[in-house]
Structures are given as C-alpha cells and as structure tokens.
C-alpha cells in the first residue's frame, strides 16, 4: 500500500505514462455518459418544441455542445470554426454534410430572420450526432 501511495503522489507515473495516466488509472468513462445525457436533453427539447424560436434555440445549444465536445475529445481550444478545420474525411465520413449543418447553425445565430422548420432542425441534430459518434464523443 505504501508503494502504491508513493507512486500516485510522485511524478513517476506521469513521466512514464504521459499526462493522461490519471485518466487511465481511473475507471471513469471520460465524460461520455454526461455528454450523452446532455445531447439527449437537447434532442428531447427539440421534439417537444412547437415554435420556430425554440427550434433555433435547440440548434444554438447543439452548436455549443459540439464546440465543448470537440474540446473535450482533443481538438483544442479556440473557436469552433478552427476546431472544424482540423477535421478530415477520415475523422467523419459525412464531413461535407457536417459542415453544412454547422453553416445552418451559424445562419440561425447570425440572421434572426432565418427561416427554419422542425424537419431541418432534426436533420441538423442527426448529422451532428452521426459525426460525434464517429469521433467517439459518445
């Protein structure tokens, strides 16, 4: 027990196994359940929403979720556009659709008169979900 205690308190494990040794030593799911629960909440909110303003809010929340998820899985700091530029078609098979969905969200954010229907909002969330699954975000 003493040896284990001193190994955990010293920098030996960090030097030997890299910066993420604590994550490897813990039996946590690296936030997967938390992210999945948050995503399900956004999808459920969209399903219940009956007006365009709420659909837009759901897309804005999805965009924020995407930004945070990319940060957590290792695509760095900075703006979401910078993180998305790092993605390749090997990361996400439907990269073009993914970027188009992001553009729709940006249009919703920038243009208050942007017309959105519930079907399009659902499609955007589905595209984001597929891409995030491929990236291993949940």
Protein backbone atom coordinates (compact mmCIF):
# COMPACT_ATOMS: atom_id res chain seq x y z
CA UNK A 1 0.00 0.00 0.00
CA UNK A 2 2.84 2.35 0.78
CA UNK A 3 4.44 1.79 -2.61
CA UNK A 4 1.15 2.46 -4.38
CA UNK A 5 0.61 5.59 -2.31
CA UNK A 6 4.05 6.98 -3.17
CA UNK A 7 3.67 6.09 -6.86
CA UNK A 8 0.41 8.00 -7.00
CA UNK A 9 1.86 11.01 -5.17
CA UNK A 10 5.09 11.16 -7.14
CA UNK A 11 5.61 12.27 -10.73
CA UNK A 12 6.93 8.87 -11.78
CA UNK A 13 3.67 7.64 -13.35
CA UNK A 14 3.16 10.95 -15.11
CA UNK A 15 6.63 10.79 -16.62
CA UNK A 16 6.39 7.11 -17.53
CA UNK A 17 2.89 7.06 -18.98
CA UNK A 18 2.31 10.62 -20.12
CA UNK A 19 -0.02 13.32 -18.92
CA UNK A 20 -3.15 11.18 -19.13
CA UNK A 21 -2.06 8.49 -16.70
CA UNK A 22 -4.68 9.66 -14.21
CA UNK A 23 -7.39 9.05 -16.79
CA UNK A 24 -6.01 5.61 -17.47
CA UNK A 25 -5.84 4.82 -13.77
CA UNK A 26 -9.41 5.93 -13.12
CA UNK A 27 -12.35 3.84 -14.17
CA UNK A 28 -14.33 6.80 -15.41
CA UNK A 29 -15.93 6.95 -18.82
CA UNK A 30 -14.16 10.24 -19.67
CA UNK A 31 -17.44 12.14 -19.57
CA UNK A 32 -19.19 10.01 -22.18
CA UNK A 33 -22.31 9.47 -20.10
CA UNK A 34 -22.51 13.14 -19.19
CA UNK A 35 -22.18 14.23 -22.83
CA UNK A 36 -24.72 11.65 -24.00
CA UNK A 37 -27.19 12.74 -21.34
CA UNK A 38 -26.78 16.39 -22.33
CA UNK A 39 -27.24 15.51 -26.01
CA UNK A 40 -30.39 13.52 -25.26
CA UNK A 41 -31.73 16.53 -23.38
CA UNK A 42 -31.19 18.76 -26.44
CA UNK A 43 -32.92 16.23 -28.72
CA UNK A 44 -35.84 15.86 -26.33
CA UNK A 45 -36.21 19.63 -26.12
CA UNK A 46 -36.43 19.80 -29.91
CA UNK A 47 -39.04 17.05 -30.03
CA UNK A 48 -41.24 18.92 -27.55
CA UNK A 49 -40.77 22.33 -29.18
CA UNK A 50 -43.63 23.57 -31.32
CA UNK A 51 -42.42 27.00 -32.41
CA UNK A 52 -39.56 28.12 -34.61
CA UNK A 53 -37.83 30.16 -31.89
CA UNK A 54 -37.43 27.06 -29.72
CA UNK A 55 -36.08 25.05 -32.65
CA UNK A 56 -33.47 27.74 -33.18
CA UNK A 57 -32.55 27.67 -29.50
CA UNK A 58 -32.05 23.91 -29.75
CA UNK A 59 -29.68 24.37 -32.70
CA UNK A 60 -27.72 27.01 -30.82
CA UNK A 61 -27.43 24.63 -27.85
CA UNK A 62 -26.32 21.86 -30.22
CA UNK A 63 -23.65 24.16 -31.62
CA UNK A 64 -22.38 24.94 -28.11
CA UNK A 65 -22.45 21.23 -27.29
CA UNK A 66 -20.44 20.48 -30.44
CA UNK A 67 -17.84 23.09 -29.50
CA UNK A 68 -17.47 21.69 -25.97
CA UNK A 69 -17.40 18.07 -27.14
CA UNK A 70 -14.66 18.76 -29.69
CA UNK A 71 -12.64 20.49 -26.99
CA UNK A 72 -13.07 17.55 -24.61
CA UNK A 73 -12.05 14.92 -27.16
CA UNK A 74 -8.87 16.74 -28.08
CA UNK A 75 -9.46 19.17 -30.93
CA UNK A 76 -8.02 22.02 -28.92
CA UNK A 77 -9.01 25.44 -27.75
CA UNK A 78 -10.24 28.33 -29.80
CA UNK A 79 -13.28 28.95 -31.91
CA UNK A 80 -15.46 26.19 -33.25
CA UNK A 81 -14.51 27.03 -36.86
CA UNK A 82 -10.85 26.39 -36.02
CA UNK A 83 -11.71 23.02 -34.49
CA UNK A 84 -13.81 22.06 -37.50
CA UNK A 85 -10.95 22.92 -39.88
CA UNK A 86 -8.89 20.24 -38.13
CA UNK A 87 -11.41 17.55 -39.08
CA UNK A 88 -10.82 15.39 -42.13
CA UNK A 89 -12.99 12.96 -44.05
CA UNK A 90 -11.19 10.14 -42.23
CA UNK A 91 -12.46 11.55 -38.93
CA UNK A 92 -16.05 11.98 -40.13
CA UNK A 93 -17.31 10.17 -43.21
CA UNK A 94 -20.03 12.77 -43.87
CA UNK A 95 -17.79 15.78 -43.35
CA UNK A 96 -19.47 17.87 -46.05
CA UNK A 97 -22.92 17.37 -44.54
CA UNK A 98 -21.46 18.03 -41.09
CA UNK A 99 -20.03 21.36 -42.22
CA UNK A 100 -23.31 22.25 -43.95
CA UNK A 101 -25.18 21.55 -40.70
CA UNK A 102 -22.72 23.80 -38.89
CA UNK A 103 -23.37 26.50 -41.50
CA UNK A 104 -27.11 26.25 -40.90
CA UNK A 105 -26.49 26.79 -37.20
CA UNK A 106 -24.31 29.78 -37.97
CA UNK A 107 -27.04 31.21 -40.20
CA UNK A 108 -29.55 30.78 -37.37
CA UNK A 109 -27.22 32.58 -34.98
CA UNK A 110 -26.35 35.46 -37.31
CA UNK A 111 -29.69 36.04 -39.03
CA UNK A 112 -32.76 36.49 -36.80
CA UNK A 113 -34.98 36.27 -39.89
CA UNK A 114 -33.60 32.89 -40.97
CA UNK A 115 -36.48 30.50 -41.75
CA UNK A 116 -36.20 27.09 -40.13
CA UNK A 117 -38.61 24.21 -39.94
CA UNK A 118 -38.62 21.37 -37.46
CA UNK A 119 -37.61 18.80 -40.07
CA UNK A 120 -34.43 20.74 -40.94
CA UNK A 121 -33.61 21.19 -37.26
CA UNK A 122 -33.94 17.43 -36.69
CA UNK A 123 -31.71 16.72 -39.69
CA UNK A 124 -29.02 19.03 -38.32
CA UNK A 125 -29.10 17.25 -34.96
CA UNK A 126 -28.94 13.84 -36.67
CA UNK A 127 -25.93 14.89 -38.74
CA UNK A 128 -24.17 16.22 -35.64
CA UNK A 129 -25.00 13.02 -33.76
CA UNK A 130 -23.58 10.79 -36.51
CA UNK A 131 -20.40 12.84 -36.68
CA UNK A 132 -19.93 12.94 -32.93
CA UNK A 133 -20.39 9.18 -32.72
CA UNK A 134 -17.72 8.70 -35.37
CA UNK A 135 -15.39 10.97 -33.40
CA UNK A 136 -16.06 8.98 -30.23
CA UNK A 137 -17.68 11.84 -28.34
CA UNK A 138 -20.42 9.45 -27.21
